[in-house]
Amino acid sequence: MIKFVGIDLDGTLLDSDKKISEENLKALEKLEKSGIHVTIFTGRSFVASEEYFGAISSDIPGVFQNGAFISTIKTHRTIKKVTLSYACASKIVYFAKKYDLFSVLFTHFTETPDMVYEEEIPSPSSYKSYFERNAYRMIKVPNIFACIGEEIGEVAVVGDFNKIKTIEKEMDCSEFTMVLSTLFPDNEGFVEFFGPGCGKEKALDFLLKKFGMSREESAFIGDNYNDLEALKIVGHPIVMGNDYTPVELINVAKYITSSNDEDGVAKAIKEYILSI
């Protein structure tokens, strides 16, 4: 029997218009009525996710910024947070500058503006629309190092993925967690550096221990690279049937559902999770 279900947000629970369909909402309610714990997992920050939670009736946990911050979605009760140290964040920004990569500091988990940058946003860039959507959260400063506090939520680095991987090689990996969020065919990547021990899979294990459940009793529904490690450790990995879903996810799936524009979450809940 499945007792815990983790559900990714973008490309999974949200459709292409960034809405949660009625079918998906009804399916979430069915899970809870069946006594199954539900948690939303996202690479987004809490402030970038909150607008989507009005439609969800329960005060379920949310895992934000790939596990760096865990909080209830209604009452905003902090369950766990993991931060980057001043020294580690400074090194990441230094190497980003060294390799001509664009970096952004995320200075808070629950407040805005929270995204600090120094260099001009790269143009052209496949991520330009992301930064335009988040302009209300962003502050351009003359010296990014002066904005690094004792605790930083994350540093995001955008640019050539091979160069970004060089940062990992030049640093002590025990100081941080590196998560590839997305990668475009031209090798432009969006990589997030969090405090040590982050990742959706680490947050999943933390919650399972908190609820007294096992990996074998859990399911995870995802669609992209930052879901892969969580999918690997659960007893029931479920993958979205989106056109872009990476083959690495397809290869670990026990069940492939329909796309996020075809109520894929609701279908997985009805035809797989509640049928076991």
Protein backbone atom coordinates (compact mmCIF):
# COMPACT_ATOMS: atom_id res chain seq x y z
CA MET A 1 0.00 0.00 0.00
CA ILE A 2 1.19 3.52 -0.82
CA LYS A 3 1.16 5.80 2.23
CA PHE A 4 3.05 8.86 0.96
CA VAL A 5 2.92 10.70 -2.38
CA GLY A 6 5.32 13.46 -3.40
CA ILE A 7 4.22 15.57 -6.35
CA ASP A 8 6.35 17.96 -8.37
CA LEU A 9 4.79 21.33 -9.20
CA ASP A 10 5.85 22.76 -12.60
CA GLY A 11 5.25 20.43 -15.51
CA THR A 12 3.48 18.00 -13.22
CA LEU A 13 0.71 19.36 -10.98
CA LEU A 14 0.57 22.63 -12.95
CA ASP A 15 -0.54 22.66 -16.57
CA SER A 16 1.11 24.79 -19.26
CA ASP A 17 -0.98 27.79 -18.14
CA LYS A 18 0.43 27.38 -14.62
CA LYS A 19 -2.90 26.25 -13.17
CA ILE A 20 -4.00 23.22 -11.16
CA SER A 21 -6.89 21.56 -12.98
CA GLU A 22 -10.12 20.61 -11.23
CA GLU A 23 -9.40 16.96 -11.93
CA ASN A 24 -6.02 17.20 -10.25
CA LEU A 25 -7.50 19.01 -7.23
CA LYS A 26 -10.19 16.34 -6.84
CA ALA A 27 -7.53 13.64 -7.06
CA LEU A 28 -5.50 15.29 -4.29
CA GLU A 29 -8.58 15.31 -2.07
CA LYS A 30 -9.13 11.61 -2.77
CA LEU A 31 -5.57 10.85 -1.68
CA GLU A 32 -6.04 12.65 1.63
CA LYS A 33 -9.43 11.07 2.25
CA SER A 34 -7.74 7.71 1.75
CA GLY A 35 -5.30 8.58 4.54
CA ILE A 36 -2.32 9.07 2.22
CA HIS A 37 0.16 11.82 3.07
CA VAL A 38 0.66 14.32 0.23
CA THR A 39 3.54 16.76 -0.19
CA ILE A 40 4.28 19.22 -3.01
CA PHE A 41 7.92 19.28 -4.15
CA THR A 42 9.32 22.13 -6.24
CA GLY A 43 12.51 23.83 -7.28
CA ARG A 44 10.67 27.12 -6.84
CA SER A 45 11.02 29.24 -3.74
CA PHE A 46 8.15 29.52 -1.28
CA VAL A 47 7.27 33.03 -2.51
CA ALA A 48 7.20 31.88 -6.14
CA SER A 49 4.92 28.95 -5.27
CA GLU A 50 2.44 30.48 -2.85
CA GLU A 51 0.04 31.79 -5.50
CA TYR A 52 -0.78 28.22 -6.55
CA PHE A 53 -1.74 26.97 -3.12
CA GLY A 54 -5.01 28.86 -2.73
CA ALA A 55 -6.86 26.12 -4.59
CA ILE A 56 -5.48 23.36 -2.32
CA SER A 57 -7.71 22.97 0.73
CA SER A 58 -5.30 21.29 3.18
CA ASP A 59 -2.28 22.63 5.05
CA ILE A 60 0.04 20.01 3.57
CA PRO A 61 3.83 20.31 3.62
CA GLY A 62 5.66 21.89 0.71
CA VAL A 63 9.29 21.22 -0.20
CA PHE A 64 10.82 24.31 -1.79
CA GLN A 65 14.07 25.15 -3.56
CA ASN A 66 14.80 21.47 -4.11
CA GLY A 67 14.66 20.64 -0.41
CA ALA A 68 16.45 23.65 1.05
CA PHE A 69 13.23 24.81 2.72
CA ILE A 70 10.25 22.78 3.96
CA SER A 71 7.12 24.50 5.28
CA THR A 72 3.37 23.99 5.58
CA ILE A 73 1.67 25.72 2.65
CA LYS A 74 -1.14 27.46 4.56
CA THR A 75 0.14 28.29 8.04
CA HIS A 76 3.72 28.82 6.85
CA ARG A 77 5.17 26.75 9.68
CA THR A 78 8.84 26.08 8.99
CA ILE A 79 9.69 22.38 9.22
CA LYS A 80 13.28 22.48 8.00
CA LYS A 81 15.74 24.80 6.29
CA VAL A 82 19.26 24.32 4.93
CA THR A 83 21.46 27.29 4.05
CA LEU A 84 24.72 28.03 2.25
CA SER A 85 27.47 29.50 4.38
CA TYR A 86 28.96 32.90 3.61
CA ALA A 87 32.25 31.31 2.60
CA CYS A 88 30.67 28.78 0.24
CA ALA A 89 28.31 31.27 -1.42
CA SER A 90 31.22 33.67 -1.95
CA LYS A 91 33.30 30.95 -3.64
CA ILE A 92 30.47 30.01 -6.00
CA VAL A 93 29.95 33.62 -7.05
CA TYR A 94 33.71 34.07 -7.46
CA PHE A 95 34.00 31.08 -9.79
CA ALA A 96 30.88 32.11 -11.71
CA LYS A 97 32.55 35.43 -12.43
CA LYS A 98 35.83 33.69 -13.29
CA TYR A 99 34.13 31.56 -15.94
CA ASP A 100 31.90 34.35 -17.26
CA LEU A 101 28.68 32.80 -15.93
CA PHE A 102 25.61 34.63 -14.66
CA SER A 103 24.85 34.18 -10.97
CA VAL A 104 21.95 35.11 -8.69
CA LEU A 105 21.88 35.12 -4.88
CA PHE A 106 18.66 34.00 -3.19
CA THR A 107 18.87 35.83 0.12
CA HIS A 108 15.57 34.80 1.81
CA PHE A 109 13.23 31.82 1.85
CA THR A 110 9.94 33.65 2.53
CA GLU A 111 10.46 37.34 1.75
CA THR A 112 10.75 39.44 -1.43
CA PRO A 113 12.75 40.85 -3.09
CA ASP A 114 15.05 37.90 -2.65
CA MET A 115 17.08 37.61 -5.87
CA VAL A 116 20.25 39.69 -6.04
CA TYR A 117 22.47 39.99 -9.12
CA GLU A 118 25.32 42.16 -10.38
CA GLU A 119 26.05 41.38 -14.03
CA GLU A 120 23.58 42.05 -16.83
CA ILE A 121 21.13 39.22 -17.48
CA PRO A 122 22.52 37.25 -20.43
CA SER A 123 20.96 37.97 -23.80
CA PRO A 124 20.20 35.91 -25.73
CA SER A 125 19.40 33.26 -23.14
CA SER A 126 16.82 30.51 -22.95
CA TYR A 127 16.17 31.66 -19.38
CA LYS A 128 15.46 35.30 -20.17
CA SER A 129 11.70 34.80 -19.80
CA TYR A 130 12.26 33.28 -16.35
CA PHE A 131 14.09 36.38 -15.18
CA GLU A 132 11.47 38.65 -16.76
CA ARG A 133 8.69 36.84 -14.86
CA ASN A 134 10.64 37.23 -11.63
CA ALA A 135 11.64 40.86 -12.13
CA TYR A 136 9.58 41.89 -9.08
CA ARG A 137 11.86 39.72 -6.92
CA MET A 138 15.17 40.90 -8.36
CA ILE A 139 17.58 43.63 -7.26
CA LYS A 140 20.59 44.70 -9.34
CA VAL A 141 23.53 45.75 -7.18
CA PRO A 142 27.01 47.17 -7.91
CA ASN A 143 28.78 44.58 -5.73
CA ILE A 144 27.15 41.20 -5.25
CA PHE A 145 29.71 40.10 -2.67
CA ALA A 146 28.53 42.85 -0.32
CA CYS A 147 25.07 41.23 -0.29
CA ILE A 148 26.20 37.79 0.86
CA GLY A 149 25.06 37.24 4.43
CA GLU A 150 25.98 34.58 6.95
CA GLU A 151 23.21 32.34 5.58
CA ILE A 152 22.11 32.24 1.92
CA GLY A 153 19.19 30.22 0.54
CA GLU A 154 20.96 29.38 -2.71
CA VAL A 155 23.12 30.62 -5.56
CA ALA A 156 21.81 29.96 -9.07
CA VAL A 157 24.30 29.89 -11.95
CA VAL A 158 23.29 30.14 -15.61
CA GLY A 159 25.43 29.48 -18.67
CA ASP A 160 27.53 26.83 -20.36
CA PHE A 161 26.95 23.64 -18.39
CA ASN A 162 30.51 22.40 -18.85
CA LYS A 163 31.81 25.59 -17.25
CA ILE A 164 29.34 25.27 -14.39
CA LYS A 165 30.53 21.72 -13.72
CA THR A 166 34.07 23.13 -13.42
CA ILE A 167 32.90 25.07 -10.34
CA GLU A 168 31.98 21.75 -8.72
CA LYS A 169 35.44 20.37 -9.47
CA GLU A 170 37.21 23.38 -7.98
CA MET A 171 35.28 23.33 -4.69
CA ASP A 172 34.75 20.97 -1.78
CA CYS A 173 31.41 19.33 -2.62
CA SER A 174 30.66 18.68 1.06
CA GLU A 175 29.97 22.41 1.37
CA PHE A 176 27.01 22.43 -1.01
CA THR A 177 24.48 20.50 -3.07
CA MET A 178 24.51 21.11 -6.83
CA VAL A 179 21.20 20.55 -8.63
CA LEU A 180 20.69 20.74 -12.40
CA SER A 181 17.26 22.28 -12.86
CA THR A 182 17.07 22.40 -16.66
CA LEU A 183 19.45 21.96 -19.59
CA PHE A 184 18.80 23.19 -23.11
CA PRO A 185 20.14 21.55 -26.31
CA ASP A 186 22.70 24.35 -26.74
CA ASN A 187 24.21 23.22 -23.38
CA GLU A 188 22.93 26.26 -21.52
CA GLY A 189 22.09 25.10 -18.02
CA PHE A 190 20.33 26.49 -14.96
CA VAL A 191 22.16 25.04 -11.97
CA GLU A 192 21.31 25.72 -8.34
CA PHE A 193 23.78 25.51 -5.47
CA PHE A 194 22.17 24.84 -2.09
CA GLY A 195 23.49 24.04 1.36
CA PRO A 196 24.83 20.55 2.11
CA GLY A 197 22.39 17.67 2.15
CA CYS A 198 19.74 19.23 -0.09
CA GLY A 199 17.86 17.64 -2.98
CA LYS A 200 14.29 16.47 -3.33
CA GLU A 201 15.37 12.94 -2.41
CA LYS A 202 16.93 14.15 0.86
CA ALA A 203 13.75 16.09 1.73
CA LEU A 204 11.71 13.00 0.86
CA ASP A 205 13.74 10.82 3.20
CA PHE A 206 13.43 13.45 5.94
CA LEU A 207 9.63 13.53 5.65
CA LEU A 208 9.31 9.75 5.46
CA LYS A 209 11.28 9.45 8.69
CA LYS A 210 9.13 12.17 10.27
CA PHE A 211 5.93 10.36 9.28
CA GLY A 212 7.30 6.89 10.13
CA MET A 213 7.05 5.53 6.59
CA SER A 214 9.37 3.63 4.27
CA ARG A 215 10.59 4.34 0.76
CA GLU A 216 8.75 1.23 -0.44
CA GLU A 217 5.47 2.76 0.79
CA SER A 218 6.03 6.01 -1.10
CA ALA A 219 5.41 7.31 -4.61
CA PHE A 220 6.79 10.32 -6.41
CA ILE A 221 5.43 12.03 -9.54
CA GLY A 222 7.85 14.16 -11.59
CA ASP A 223 8.83 15.38 -15.01
CA ASN A 224 12.39 16.75 -15.08
CA TYR A 225 16.01 16.31 -14.02
CA ASN A 226 15.62 17.68 -10.48
CA ASP A 227 13.04 14.93 -9.84
CA LEU A 228 15.28 12.06 -10.91
CA GLU A 229 16.97 11.22 -7.61
CA ALA A 230 13.65 11.25 -5.75
CA LEU A 231 12.15 8.96 -8.39
CA LYS A 232 15.07 6.56 -7.98
CA ILE A 233 14.55 6.00 -4.25
CA VAL A 234 10.78 5.54 -3.98
CA GLY A 235 8.99 2.24 -4.34
CA HIS A 236 6.63 3.74 -6.92
CA PRO A 237 8.28 6.18 -9.37
CA ILE A 238 5.70 7.84 -11.63
CA VAL A 239 6.75 9.97 -14.59
CA MET A 240 4.77 12.50 -16.60
CA GLY A 241 4.18 11.85 -20.29
CA ASN A 242 5.29 15.33 -21.34
CA ASP A 243 7.00 15.71 -24.72
CA TYR A 244 10.22 16.90 -23.09
CA THR A 245 10.41 14.40 -20.22
CA PRO A 246 14.05 13.21 -20.16
CA VAL A 247 14.70 9.59 -21.08
CA GLU A 248 16.56 9.15 -17.77
CA LEU A 249 13.22 9.57 -15.98
CA ILE A 250 11.37 7.29 -18.38
CA ASN A 251 13.92 4.57 -17.66
CA VAL A 252 13.24 4.52 -13.90
CA ALA A 253 9.45 4.81 -14.07
CA LYS A 254 7.08 2.10 -12.91
CA TYR A 255 4.19 4.03 -14.40
CA ILE A 256 4.11 6.69 -17.13
CA THR A 257 1.02 8.86 -16.95
CA SER A 258 -0.39 11.41 -19.40
CA SER A 259 0.99 14.95 -19.77
CA ASN A 260 0.48 17.87 -17.40
CA ASP A 261 -2.06 19.29 -19.87
CA GLU A 262 -4.03 16.03 -19.76
CA ASP A 263 -4.53 15.75 -15.98
CA GLY A 264 -1.57 13.39 -15.69
CA VAL A 265 -1.47 13.62 -11.89
CA ALA A 266 -5.17 12.74 -11.59
CA LYS A 267 -4.73 9.80 -13.95
CA ALA A 268 -1.73 8.47 -11.98
CA ILE A 269 -3.63 8.75 -8.71
CA LYS A 270 -6.75 7.07 -10.04
CA GLU A 271 -5.23 4.36 -12.22
CA TYR A 272 -2.08 3.55 -10.26
CA ILE A 273 -1.79 4.89 -6.71
CA LEU A 274 -5.35 4.17 -5.51
CA SER A 275 -5.56 0.89 -7.42
CA ILE A 276 -2.67 -0.83 -5.63
